[in-house]
PDB file of N, CA and C in Angstrom:
ATOM      1  N   MET A   1       1.008  -1.148   0.040  1.00  0.00           N
ATOM      2  CA  MET A   1      -0.048  -0.099  -0.157  1.00  0.00           C
ATOM      3  C   MET A   1       0.855   1.136   0.085  1.00  0.00           C
ATOM      4  N   CYS A   2       0.643   2.255  -1.104  1.00  0.00           N
ATOM      5  CA  CYS A   2       1.554   3.519  -0.971  1.00  0.00           C
ATOM      6  C   CYS A   2       0.911   4.314   0.057  1.00  0.00           C
ATOM      7  N   ASP A   3       1.851   5.391   0.305  1.00  0.00           N
ATOM      8  CA  ASP A   3       1.575   6.434   1.263  1.00  0.00           C
ATOM      9  C   ASP A   3       0.143   7.085   1.007  1.00  0.00           C
ATOM     10  N   SER A   4      -0.180   7.426  -0.083  1.00  0.00           N
ATOM     11  CA  SER A   4      -1.593   7.885  -0.698  1.00  0.00           C
ATOM     12  C   SER A   4      -2.575   7.086  -0.098  1.00  0.00           C
ATOM     13  N   GLY A   5      -2.556   5.642  -0.349  1.00  0.00           N
ATOM     14  CA  GLY A   5      -3.396   4.911   0.225  1.00  0.00           C
ATOM     15  C   GLY A   5      -3.610   4.687   1.558  1.00  0.00           C
ATOM     16  N   MET A   6      -2.692   4.832   2.216  1.00  0.00           N
ATOM     17  CA  MET A   6      -2.850   4.928   3.778  1.00  0.00           C
ATOM     18  C   MET A   6      -3.564   6.189   4.398  1.00  0.00           C
ATOM     19  N   LYS A   7      -3.293   7.311   3.370  1.00  0.00           N
ATOM     20  CA  LYS A   7      -3.913   8.720   3.968  1.00  0.00           C
ATOM     21  C   LYS A   7      -5.548   8.459   4.007  1.00  0.00           C
ATOM     22  N   GLN A   8      -5.802   7.431   3.096  1.00  0.00           N
ATOM     23  CA  GLN A   8      -7.353   7.349   2.831  1.00  0.00           C
ATOM     24  C   GLN A   8      -8.028   6.259   3.996  1.00  0.00           C
ATOM     25  N   LEU A   9      -7.134   5.828   4.761  1.00  0.00           N
ATOM     26  CA  LEU A   9      -7.679   4.892   6.040  1.00  0.00           C
ATOM     27  C   LEU A   9      -8.155   5.611   6.970  1.00  0.00           C
ATOM     28  N   SER A  10      -9.160   5.240   7.511  1.00  0.00           N
ATOM     29  CA  SER A  10      -9.551   5.900   8.788  1.00  0.00           C
ATOM     30  C   SER A  10      -8.424   5.421   9.997  1.00  0.00           C
ATOM     31  N   ASP A  11      -8.470   6.204  11.122  1.00  0.00           N
ATOM     32  CA  ASP A  11      -7.489   6.027  12.176  1.00  0.00           C
ATOM     33  C   ASP A  11      -7.817   4.755  12.497  1.00  0.00           C
ATOM     34  N   SER A  12      -8.787   4.370  12.784  1.00  0.00           N
ATOM     35  CA  SER A  12      -9.211   3.047  13.531  1.00  0.00           C
ATOM     36  C   SER A  12      -8.560   1.952  12.343  1.00  0.00           C
ATOM     37  N   LEU A  13      -8.827   2.038  11.411  1.00  0.00           N
ATOM     38  CA  LEU A  13      -8.355   1.104  10.166  1.00  0.00           C
ATOM     39  C   LEU A  13      -6.883   0.981  10.181  1.00  0.00           C
ATOM     40  N   LEU A  14      -6.018   2.114  10.159  1.00  0.00           N
ATOM     41  CA  LEU A  14      -4.647   2.182  10.286  1.00  0.00           C
ATOM     42  C   LEU A  14      -4.136   1.527  11.286  1.00  0.00           C
ATOM     43  N   ILE A  15      -4.825   1.536  12.643  1.00  0.00           N
ATOM     44  CA  ILE A  15      -4.218   1.108  13.819  1.00  0.00           C
ATOM     45  C   ILE A  15      -4.574  -0.647  13.761  1.00  0.00           C
ATOM     46  N   GLN A  16      -5.725  -0.783  13.097  1.00  0.00           N
ATOM     47  CA  GLN A  16      -6.012  -2.402  12.976  1.00  0.00           C
ATOM     48  C   GLN A  16      -5.002  -2.960  12.115  1.00  0.00           C
ATOM     49  N   SER A  17      -4.662  -2.356  10.916  1.00  0.00           N
ATOM     50  CA  SER A  17      -3.742  -2.688   9.889  1.00  0.00           C
ATOM     51  C   SER A  17      -2.382  -2.739  10.539  1.00  0.00           C
ATOM     52  N   TYR A  18      -1.995  -1.825  11.239  1.00  0.00           N
ATOM     53  CA  TYR A  18      -0.701  -2.032  11.969  1.00  0.00           C
ATOM     54  C   TYR A  18      -0.487  -3.310  12.877  1.00  0.00           C
ATOM     55  N   HIS A  19      -1.505  -3.542  13.572  1.00  0.00           N
ATOM     56  CA  HIS A  19      -1.485  -4.611  14.537  1.00  0.00           C
ATOM     57  C   HIS A  19      -1.378  -5.916  13.914  1.00  0.00           C
ATOM     58  N   LYS A  20      -2.381  -5.903  12.749  1.00  0.00           N
ATOM     59  CA  LYS A  20      -2.279  -7.139  11.923  1.00  0.00           C
ATOM     60  C   LYS A  20      -0.985  -7.276  11.096  1.00  0.00           C
ATOM     61  N   ALA A  21      -0.506  -6.347  10.896  1.00  0.00           N
ATOM     62  CA  ALA A  21       0.910  -6.442   9.920  1.00  0.00           C
ATOM     63  C   ALA A  21       1.764  -7.180  10.870  1.00  0.00           C
ATOM     64  N   ILE A  22       1.793  -6.655  12.167  1.00  0.00           N
ATOM     65  CA  ILE A  22       2.743  -7.224  13.083  1.00  0.00           C
ATOM     66  C   ILE A  22       2.306  -8.954  13.508  1.00  0.00           C
ATOM     67  N   GLU A  23       1.034  -9.013  13.695  1.00  0.00           N
ATOM     68  CA  GLU A  23       0.756 -10.390  13.852  1.00  0.00           C
ATOM     69  C   GLU A  23       1.044 -11.246  12.734  1.00  0.00           C
ATOM     70  N   LEU A  24       0.955 -10.854  11.440  1.00  0.00           N
ATOM     71  CA  LEU A  24       1.388 -11.508  10.313  1.00  0.00           C
ATOM     72  C   LEU A  24       2.644 -11.621   9.999  1.00  0.00           C
ATOM     73  N   ASN A  25       3.418 -10.884  10.685  1.00  0.00           N
ATOM     74  CA  ASN A  25       5.047 -10.779  10.410  1.00  0.00           C
ATOM     75  C   ASN A  25       5.330 -10.226   9.084  1.00  0.00           C
ATOM     76  N   LEU A  26       4.472  -9.150   8.522  1.00  0.00           N
ATOM     77  CA  LEU A  26       5.009  -8.750   7.445  1.00  0.00           C
ATOM     78  C   LEU A  26       6.201  -7.850   7.347  1.00  0.00           C
ATOM     79  N   SER A  27       6.616  -7.417   6.290  1.00  0.00           N
ATOM     80  CA  SER A  27       8.172  -6.884   6.291  1.00  0.00           C
ATOM     81  C   SER A  27       8.194  -5.735   7.162  1.00  0.00           C
ATOM     82  N   LYS A  28       9.379  -5.628   7.774  1.00  0.00           N
ATOM     83  CA  LYS A  28       9.515  -4.290   8.715  1.00  0.00           C
ATOM     84  C   LYS A  28       9.467  -3.101   7.760  1.00  0.00           C
ATOM     85  N   GLU A  29       9.601  -3.104   6.602  1.00  0.00           N
ATOM     86  CA  GLU A  29       9.386  -1.774   5.779  1.00  0.00           C
ATOM     87  C   GLU A  29       8.031  -1.259   5.883  1.00  0.00           C
ATOM     88  N   PHE A  30       7.231  -2.422   5.506  1.00  0.00           N
ATOM     89  CA  PHE A  30       5.754  -2.209   5.596  1.00  0.00           C
ATOM     90  C   PHE A  30       5.162  -1.620   6.838  1.00  0.00           C
ATOM     91  N   ILE A  31       5.657  -2.333   7.997  1.00  0.00           N
ATOM     92  CA  ILE A  31       5.362  -2.067   9.110  1.00  0.00           C
ATOM     93  C   ILE A  31       6.004  -0.469   9.769  1.00  0.00           C
ATOM     94  N   ASP A  32       7.006  -0.270   9.304  1.00  0.00           N
ATOM     95  CA  ASP A  32       7.533   1.016   9.429  1.00  0.00           C
ATOM     96  C   ASP A  32       6.766   2.165   8.665  1.00  0.00           C
ATOM     97  N   GLN A  33       6.223   1.749   7.677  1.00  0.00           N
ATOM     98  CA  GLN A  33       5.322   2.711   6.653  1.00  0.00           C
ATOM     99  C   GLN A  33       4.160   3.258   7.467  1.00  0.00           C
ATOM    100  N   ILE A  34       3.465   2.026   7.926  1.00  0.00           N
ATOM    101  CA  ILE A  34       2.212   2.314   8.744  1.00  0.00           C
ATOM    102  C   ILE A  34       2.651   3.197  10.039  1.00  0.00           C
ATOM    103  N   LYS A  35       3.636   3.009  10.765  1.00  0.00           N
ATOM    104  CA  LYS A  35       4.015   3.680  11.978  1.00  0.00           C
ATOM    105  C   LYS A  35       4.401   5.139  11.563  1.00  0.00           C
ATOM    106  N   ARG A  36       4.937   5.412  10.388  1.00  0.00           N
ATOM    107  CA  ARG A  36       5.203   6.777  10.153  1.00  0.00           C
ATOM    108  C   ARG A  36       3.909   7.351   9.836  1.00  0.00           C
ATOM    109  N   GLU A  37       2.934   6.819   9.381  1.00  0.00           N
ATOM    110  CA  GLU A  37       1.480   7.483   9.135  1.00  0.00           C
ATOM    111  C   GLU A  37       0.864   7.740  10.406  1.00  0.00           C
ATOM    112  N   ILE A  38       1.026   6.844  11.381  1.00  0.00           N
ATOM    113  CA  ILE A  38       0.470   6.815  12.520  1.00  0.00           C
ATOM    114  C   ILE A  38       1.095   8.070  13.342  1.00  0.00           C
ATOM    115  N   GLN A  39       2.415   8.214  13.136  1.00  0.00           N
ATOM    116  CA  GLN A  39       3.145   9.445  13.910  1.00  0.00           C
ATOM    117  C   GLN A  39       2.693  10.479  13.156  1.00  0.00           C
ATOM    118  N   LYS A  40       2.416  10.598  11.909  1.00  0.00           N
ATOM    119  CA  LYS A  40       2.132  11.814  11.220  1.00  0.00           C
ATOM    120  C   LYS A  40       0.677  12.358  11.820  1.00  0.00           C
ATOM    121  N   ARG A  41      -0.199  11.406  12.122  1.00  0.00           N
ATOM    122  CA  ARG A  41      -1.361  11.668  12.494  1.00  0.00           C
ATOM    123  C   ARG A  41      -1.843  12.084  14.201  1.00  0.00           C
ATOM    124  N   SER A  42      -0.245  11.713  14.661  1.00  0.00           N
ATOM    125  CA  SER A  42      -0.191  11.824  16.154  1.00  0.00           C
ATOM    126  C   SER A  42      -1.461  11.135  16.643  1.00  0.00           C
ATOM    127  N   ILE A  43      -1.522   9.856  16.247  1.00  0.00           N
ATOM    128  CA  ILE A  43      -2.466   9.039  16.902  1.00  0.00           C
ATOM    129  C   ILE A  43      -1.678   7.621  17.825  1.00  0.00           C
ATOM    130  N   GLN A  44      -0.474   7.742  18.143  1.00  0.00           N
ATOM    131  CA  GLN A  44       0.113   6.496  18.722  1.00  0.00           C
ATOM    132  C   GLN A  44      -0.633   6.345  19.849  1.00  0.00           C
ATOM    133  N   HIS A  45      -1.385   7.379  20.559  1.00  0.00           N
ATOM    134  CA  HIS A  45      -2.185   6.701  21.847  1.00  0.00           C
ATOM    135  C   HIS A  45      -3.083   5.513  21.512  1.00  0.00           C
ATOM    136  N   LEU A  46      -3.591   5.750  20.112  1.00  0.00           N
ATOM    137  CA  LEU A  46      -4.582   4.566  19.854  1.00  0.00           C
ATOM    138  C   LEU A  46      -4.090   3.127  19.675  1.00  0.00           C
ATOM    139  N   ILE A  47      -2.732   2.949  19.667  1.00  0.00           N
ATOM    140  CA  ILE A  47      -2.230   1.676  19.549  1.00  0.00           C
ATOM    141  C   ILE A  47      -2.361   1.246  20.710  1.00  0.00           C
ATOM    142  N   GLU A  48      -2.200   1.473  21.831  1.00  0.00           N
ATOM    143  CA  GLU A  48      -2.395   0.935  23.012  1.00  0.00           C
ATOM    144  C   GLU A  48      -3.893   0.600  23.461  1.00  0.00           C
ATOM    145  N   ASP A  49      -4.868   1.726  23.128  1.00  0.00           N
ATOM    146  CA  ASP A  49      -6.112   1.617  23.399  1.00  0.00           C
ATOM    147  C   ASP A  49      -6.631   0.437  22.534  1.00  0.00           C
ATOM    148  N   TYR A  50      -6.417   0.078  21.283  1.00  0.00           N
ATOM    149  CA  TYR A  50      -6.601  -1.041  20.458  1.00  0.00           C
ATOM    150  C   TYR A  50      -6.555  -2.284  21.048  1.00  0.00           C
ATOM    151  N   ILE A  51      -5.001  -2.306  21.744  1.00  0.00           N
ATOM    152  CA  ILE A  51      -4.747  -3.484  22.439  1.00  0.00           C
ATOM    153  C   ILE A  51      -5.621  -3.980  23.526  1.00  0.00           C
ATOM    154  N   PHE A  52      -5.925  -2.657  24.400  1.00  0.00           N
ATOM    155  CA  PHE A  52      -7.000  -2.795  25.561  1.00  0.00           C
ATOM    156  C   PHE A  52      -8.373  -3.165  25.109  1.00  0.00           C
ATOM    157  N   GLN A  53      -8.813  -2.929  23.888  1.00  0.00           N
ATOM    158  CA  GLN A  53     -10.048  -3.134  23.512  1.00  0.00           C
ATOM    159  C   GLN A  53     -10.087  -4.463  22.857  1.00  0.00           C
ATOM    160  N   VAL A  54      -9.284  -4.797  22.318  1.00  0.00           N
ATOM    161  CA  VAL A  54      -9.118  -6.502  21.653  1.00  0.00           C
ATOM    162  C   VAL A  54      -8.958  -7.674  22.615  1.00  0.00           C
ATOM    163  N   GLY A  55      -8.116  -7.113  23.656  1.00  0.00           N
ATOM    164  CA  GLY A  55      -7.938  -7.899  24.894  1.00  0.00           C
ATOM    165  C   GLY A  55      -6.525  -8.634  24.733  1.00  0.00           C
TER     166      GLY A  55
END
């Protein structure tokens, strides 16, 4: 997924994608790309919120 594609994702879907990418052991480059978009949006706090909600 290119950067412009990530910009179209909702915050929630971006966070879900980040966790799924880690779970599936996808490439570090892809995970880093997602992390950069999360940082751009200043939504890092949602990473922990998602873990708490999913359990």
